[in-house]
Amino acid sequence: MWNTDSVWFELFIISFGLLMGHIFMGHFEERSSKLRKFLKAIVSILLMITLSCFFGRTVAFTVFALFLIPVIYVHAIWLPRQRIDGWTGEPKAKYYELRGWSKDIF
């Protein structure tokens, strides 16, 4: 019944990764457009499925892991160097300034 030898397994892994990223790091994208968030999810899923179908699961997961390296670098090294917490995005005013967003929320 449970079989991981199908493309659905890759779809689950990438979807779960996007879900966890959205839950735990979504506050970094709170002012990004919904279209950008939607396209990020669609492109990620399509890339993973395409790589898996044409080049195999190992290549797909390797590319997925390589895409995590810049994310980890930004949140663990670059943001703290800018005096912004890489986990919470605080202070918000400094983070908004870095992103070019208005500090006026309401």
N, C-alpha and C. Protein backbone atom coordinates (compact mmCIF):
# COMPACT_ATOMS: atom_id res chain seq x y z
N MET A 1 0.82 -1.19 0.00
CA MET A 1 0.00 0.00 0.00
C MET A 1 0.86 1.26 0.00
N TRP A 2 1.84 1.34 0.88
CA TRP A 2 2.70 2.51 0.94
C TRP A 2 3.91 2.28 0.03
N ASN A 3 4.04 3.13 -0.97
CA ASN A 3 5.12 2.96 -1.93
C ASN A 3 5.76 4.33 -2.17
N THR A 4 7.06 4.41 -2.01
CA THR A 4 7.76 5.68 -2.23
C THR A 4 8.45 5.73 -3.59
N ASP A 5 8.19 4.74 -4.43
CA ASP A 5 8.82 4.69 -5.75
C ASP A 5 7.97 5.36 -6.82
N SER A 6 7.32 6.45 -6.46
CA SER A 6 6.53 7.18 -7.44
C SER A 6 6.82 8.68 -7.30
N VAL A 7 6.38 9.42 -8.28
CA VAL A 7 6.61 10.86 -8.29
C VAL A 7 5.82 11.56 -7.18
N TRP A 8 4.83 10.89 -6.64
CA TRP A 8 4.03 11.48 -5.56
C TRP A 8 4.87 11.70 -4.30
N PHE A 9 5.87 10.86 -4.12
CA PHE A 9 6.75 11.04 -2.97
C PHE A 9 7.52 12.35 -3.08
N GLU A 10 8.06 12.65 -4.27
CA GLU A 10 8.76 13.91 -4.49
C GLU A 10 7.80 15.09 -4.31
N LEU A 11 6.58 14.93 -4.82
CA LEU A 11 5.58 15.99 -4.66
C LEU A 11 5.29 16.25 -3.18
N PHE A 12 5.19 15.18 -2.40
CA PHE A 12 4.97 15.34 -0.97
C PHE A 12 6.14 16.06 -0.30
N ILE A 13 7.36 15.65 -0.62
CA ILE A 13 8.55 16.25 0.02
C ILE A 13 8.64 17.73 -0.28
N ILE A 14 8.49 18.12 -1.54
CA ILE A 14 8.61 19.54 -1.89
C ILE A 14 7.45 20.35 -1.30
N SER A 15 6.24 19.77 -1.31
CA SER A 15 5.09 20.47 -0.74
C SER A 15 5.25 20.63 0.77
N PHE A 16 5.74 19.59 1.43
CA PHE A 16 5.97 19.67 2.87
C PHE A 16 7.04 20.70 3.18
N GLY A 17 8.11 20.74 2.38
CA GLY A 17 9.15 21.75 2.58
C GLY A 17 8.62 23.16 2.40
N LEU A 18 7.80 23.37 1.38
CA LEU A 18 7.19 24.69 1.18
C LEU A 18 6.26 25.05 2.33
N LEU A 19 5.51 24.08 2.80
CA LEU A 19 4.60 24.31 3.93
C LEU A 19 5.37 24.72 5.19
N MET A 20 6.42 23.97 5.52
CA MET A 20 7.22 24.30 6.70
C MET A 20 7.89 25.67 6.54
N GLY A 21 8.38 25.96 5.35
CA GLY A 21 8.97 27.27 5.10
C GLY A 21 7.96 28.38 5.28
N HIS A 22 6.75 28.15 4.80
CA HIS A 22 5.72 29.17 4.94
C HIS A 22 5.30 29.36 6.41
N ILE A 23 5.19 28.27 7.14
CA ILE A 23 4.80 28.36 8.55
C ILE A 23 5.87 29.04 9.39
N PHE A 24 7.12 28.59 9.24
CA PHE A 24 8.18 29.08 10.11
C PHE A 24 8.88 30.34 9.60
N MET A 25 8.91 30.56 8.30
CA MET A 25 9.61 31.72 7.75
C MET A 25 8.70 32.66 6.95
N GLY A 26 7.40 32.41 7.00
CA GLY A 26 6.45 33.21 6.23
C GLY A 26 6.42 34.67 6.62
N HIS A 27 6.80 34.98 7.85
CA HIS A 27 6.79 36.38 8.28
C HIS A 27 7.82 37.21 7.52
N PHE A 28 8.78 36.56 6.89
CA PHE A 28 9.74 37.30 6.08
C PHE A 28 9.13 37.74 4.75
N GLU A 29 8.02 37.13 4.36
CA GLU A 29 7.36 37.43 3.09
C GLU A 29 5.98 38.03 3.30
N GLU A 30 5.73 38.59 4.45
CA GLU A 30 4.37 39.05 4.76
C GLU A 30 3.86 40.15 3.83
N ARG A 31 4.73 40.90 3.23
CA ARG A 31 4.29 41.95 2.32
C ARG A 31 4.57 41.62 0.85
N SER A 32 5.03 40.44 0.59
CA SER A 32 5.22 40.02 -0.80
C SER A 32 3.86 39.72 -1.42
N SER A 33 3.77 39.87 -2.71
CA SER A 33 2.49 39.66 -3.38
C SER A 33 2.09 38.19 -3.35
N LYS A 34 0.79 37.98 -3.39
CA LYS A 34 0.28 36.62 -3.42
C LYS A 34 0.71 35.91 -4.70
N LEU A 35 0.81 36.65 -5.79
CA LEU A 35 1.24 36.06 -7.05
C LEU A 35 2.67 35.54 -6.94
N ARG A 36 3.54 36.30 -6.30
CA ARG A 36 4.92 35.86 -6.12
C ARG A 36 4.99 34.58 -5.30
N LYS A 37 4.21 34.51 -4.22
CA LYS A 37 4.19 33.31 -3.38
C LYS A 37 3.65 32.11 -4.15
N PHE A 38 2.60 32.34 -4.93
CA PHE A 38 1.99 31.28 -5.73
C PHE A 38 2.98 30.76 -6.78
N LEU A 39 3.62 31.68 -7.49
CA LEU A 39 4.57 31.28 -8.52
C LEU A 39 5.77 30.55 -7.93
N LYS A 40 6.20 30.96 -6.75
CA LYS A 40 7.32 30.27 -6.08
C LYS A 40 6.95 28.81 -5.81
N ALA A 41 5.75 28.58 -5.34
CA ALA A 41 5.31 27.21 -5.06
C ALA A 41 5.18 26.40 -6.35
N ILE A 42 4.55 26.98 -7.36
CA ILE A 42 4.34 26.26 -8.63
C ILE A 42 5.67 25.93 -9.29
N VAL A 43 6.58 26.91 -9.37
CA VAL A 43 7.87 26.67 -10.01
C VAL A 43 8.67 25.62 -9.23
N SER A 44 8.63 25.67 -7.91
CA SER A 44 9.35 24.68 -7.09
C SER A 44 8.81 23.28 -7.35
N ILE A 45 7.51 23.14 -7.36
CA ILE A 45 6.90 21.82 -7.58
C ILE A 45 7.20 21.32 -8.99
N LEU A 46 7.02 22.18 -9.98
CA LEU A 46 7.28 21.76 -11.36
C LEU A 46 8.74 21.40 -11.59
N LEU A 47 9.65 22.16 -10.99
CA LEU A 47 11.07 21.87 -11.13
C LEU A 47 11.41 20.51 -10.51
N MET A 48 10.90 20.27 -9.33
CA MET A 48 11.17 19.00 -8.64
C MET A 48 10.61 17.82 -9.43
N ILE A 49 9.39 17.92 -9.91
CA ILE A 49 8.76 16.83 -10.65
C ILE A 49 9.49 16.61 -11.98
N THR A 50 9.83 17.70 -12.68
CA THR A 50 10.53 17.58 -13.95
C THR A 50 11.89 16.92 -13.78
N LEU A 51 12.66 17.39 -12.80
CA LEU A 51 13.97 16.80 -12.55
C LEU A 51 13.86 15.32 -12.19
N SER A 52 12.87 15.00 -11.38
CA SER A 52 12.69 13.62 -10.95
C SER A 52 12.32 12.72 -12.13
N CYS A 53 11.44 13.20 -12.99
CA CYS A 53 11.01 12.39 -14.14
C CYS A 53 12.11 12.19 -15.17
N PHE A 54 12.87 13.25 -15.45
CA PHE A 54 13.87 13.17 -16.51
C PHE A 54 15.26 12.73 -16.04
N PHE A 55 15.63 13.06 -14.81
CA PHE A 55 16.98 12.77 -14.36
C PHE A 55 17.06 11.86 -13.14
N GLY A 56 15.93 11.59 -12.52
CA GLY A 56 15.92 10.68 -11.37
C GLY A 56 15.78 11.42 -10.04
N ARG A 57 15.42 10.62 -9.07
CA ARG A 57 15.16 11.15 -7.73
C ARG A 57 16.41 11.75 -7.09
N THR A 58 17.56 11.13 -7.30
CA THR A 58 18.79 11.61 -6.68
C THR A 58 19.13 13.02 -7.15
N VAL A 59 19.01 13.27 -8.44
CA VAL A 59 19.28 14.60 -8.98
C VAL A 59 18.27 15.61 -8.44
N ALA A 60 17.00 15.23 -8.41
CA ALA A 60 15.95 16.13 -7.92
C ALA A 60 16.21 16.55 -6.47
N PHE A 61 16.54 15.58 -5.62
CA PHE A 61 16.79 15.90 -4.21
C PHE A 61 18.10 16.65 -4.02
N THR A 62 19.07 16.40 -4.88
CA THR A 62 20.33 17.14 -4.81
C THR A 62 20.10 18.61 -5.14
N VAL A 63 19.34 18.87 -6.20
CA VAL A 63 19.02 20.25 -6.57
C VAL A 63 18.21 20.92 -5.46
N PHE A 64 17.27 20.19 -4.89
CA PHE A 64 16.47 20.72 -3.78
C PHE A 64 17.37 21.11 -2.61
N ALA A 65 18.33 20.25 -2.28
CA ALA A 65 19.26 20.53 -1.18
C ALA A 65 20.15 21.72 -1.52
N LEU A 66 20.58 21.84 -2.77
CA LEU A 66 21.42 22.97 -3.17
C LEU A 66 20.66 24.29 -3.07
N PHE A 67 19.35 24.26 -3.32
CA PHE A 67 18.55 25.48 -3.18
C PHE A 67 18.40 25.91 -1.73
N LEU A 68 18.59 24.98 -0.80
CA LEU A 68 18.49 25.32 0.62
C LEU A 68 19.73 26.04 1.13
N ILE A 69 20.85 25.87 0.46
CA ILE A 69 22.09 26.50 0.92
C ILE A 69 21.98 28.03 0.97
N PRO A 70 21.51 28.71 -0.09
CA PRO A 70 21.38 30.17 0.02
C PRO A 70 20.36 30.61 1.08
N VAL A 71 19.31 29.83 1.26
CA VAL A 71 18.30 30.17 2.27
C VAL A 71 18.93 30.11 3.66
N ILE A 72 19.67 29.07 3.93
CA ILE A 72 20.34 28.93 5.22
C ILE A 72 21.37 30.05 5.41
N TYR A 73 22.12 30.36 4.37
CA TYR A 73 23.11 31.43 4.45
C TYR A 73 22.46 32.78 4.79
N VAL A 74 21.38 33.10 4.09
CA VAL A 74 20.72 34.39 4.33
C VAL A 74 20.19 34.47 5.76
N HIS A 75 19.50 33.43 6.22
CA HIS A 75 18.88 33.48 7.54
C HIS A 75 19.87 33.29 8.68
N ALA A 76 20.94 32.54 8.47
CA ALA A 76 21.86 32.25 9.56
C ALA A 76 23.07 33.18 9.59
N ILE A 77 23.46 33.77 8.46
CA ILE A 77 24.68 34.57 8.42
C ILE A 77 24.42 36.00 7.98
N TRP A 78 23.80 36.18 6.81
CA TRP A 78 23.68 37.52 6.23
C TRP A 78 22.74 38.43 7.03
N LEU A 79 21.55 37.96 7.38
CA LEU A 79 20.63 38.80 8.16
C LEU A 79 21.20 39.18 9.52
N PRO A 80 21.81 38.27 10.29
CA PRO A 80 22.41 38.69 11.55
C PRO A 80 23.52 39.73 11.37
N ARG A 81 24.25 39.67 10.25
CA ARG A 81 25.26 40.70 9.98
C ARG A 81 24.62 42.07 9.74
N GLN A 82 23.37 42.07 9.29
CA GLN A 82 22.63 43.32 9.08
C GLN A 82 21.90 43.75 10.36
N ARG A 83 22.19 43.05 11.45
CA ARG A 83 21.58 43.30 12.77
C ARG A 83 20.07 43.00 12.75
N ILE A 84 19.70 41.97 12.01
CA ILE A 84 18.32 41.51 11.95
C ILE A 84 18.32 40.04 12.35
N ASP A 85 17.42 39.67 13.25
CA ASP A 85 17.33 38.29 13.68
C ASP A 85 16.87 37.42 12.51
N GLY A 86 17.63 36.39 12.19
CA GLY A 86 17.32 35.54 11.04
C GLY A 86 16.14 34.62 11.25
N TRP A 87 15.66 34.50 12.47
CA TRP A 87 14.52 33.63 12.75
C TRP A 87 13.23 34.42 12.90
N THR A 88 13.30 35.61 13.51
CA THR A 88 12.09 36.39 13.75
C THR A 88 11.93 37.60 12.84
N GLY A 89 13.01 38.04 12.20
CA GLY A 89 12.92 39.22 11.34
C GLY A 89 12.82 40.51 12.12
N GLU A 90 13.32 40.51 13.33
CA GLU A 90 13.24 41.70 14.17
C GLU A 90 14.60 42.35 14.28
N PRO A 91 14.70 43.62 14.40
CA PRO A 91 13.61 44.59 14.49
C PRO A 91 12.92 44.77 13.14
N LYS A 92 11.59 44.81 13.21
CA LYS A 92 10.78 44.88 12.00
C LYS A 92 11.11 46.10 11.16
N ALA A 93 11.32 47.25 11.81
CA ALA A 93 11.59 48.48 11.06
C ALA A 93 12.85 48.33 10.22
N LYS A 94 13.86 47.73 10.78
CA LYS A 94 15.12 47.54 10.05
C LYS A 94 14.94 46.54 8.91
N TYR A 95 14.17 45.47 9.16
CA TYR A 95 13.92 44.48 8.13
C TYR A 95 13.10 45.07 6.98
N TYR A 96 12.07 45.85 7.32
CA TYR A 96 11.25 46.49 6.29
C TYR A 96 12.09 47.45 5.46
N GLU A 97 12.97 48.17 6.11
CA GLU A 97 13.86 49.09 5.39
C GLU A 97 14.76 48.32 4.43
N LEU A 98 15.28 47.18 4.89
CA LEU A 98 16.13 46.34 4.05
C LEU A 98 15.38 45.84 2.82
N ARG A 99 14.11 45.48 3.00
CA ARG A 99 13.30 44.97 1.89
C ARG A 99 12.72 46.10 1.03
N GLY A 100 12.78 47.34 1.52
CA GLY A 100 12.20 48.46 0.77
C GLY A 100 10.71 48.59 0.96
N TRP A 101 10.19 48.05 2.04
CA TRP A 101 8.77 48.11 2.34
C TRP A 101 8.50 49.32 3.23
N SER A 102 7.27 49.81 3.18
CA SER A 102 6.85 50.92 4.05
C SER A 102 6.76 50.42 5.48
N LYS A 103 7.18 51.25 6.42
CA LYS A 103 7.10 50.87 7.83
C LYS A 103 5.71 51.08 8.40
N ASP A 104 4.86 51.80 7.69
CA ASP A 104 3.49 52.05 8.12
C ASP A 104 2.64 50.84 7.78
N ILE A 105 2.30 50.07 8.80
CA ILE A 105 1.53 48.85 8.58
C ILE A 105 0.05 49.17 8.39
N PHE A 106 -0.46 50.10 9.16
CA PHE A 106 -1.89 50.40 9.09
C PHE A 106 -2.14 51.72 8.42
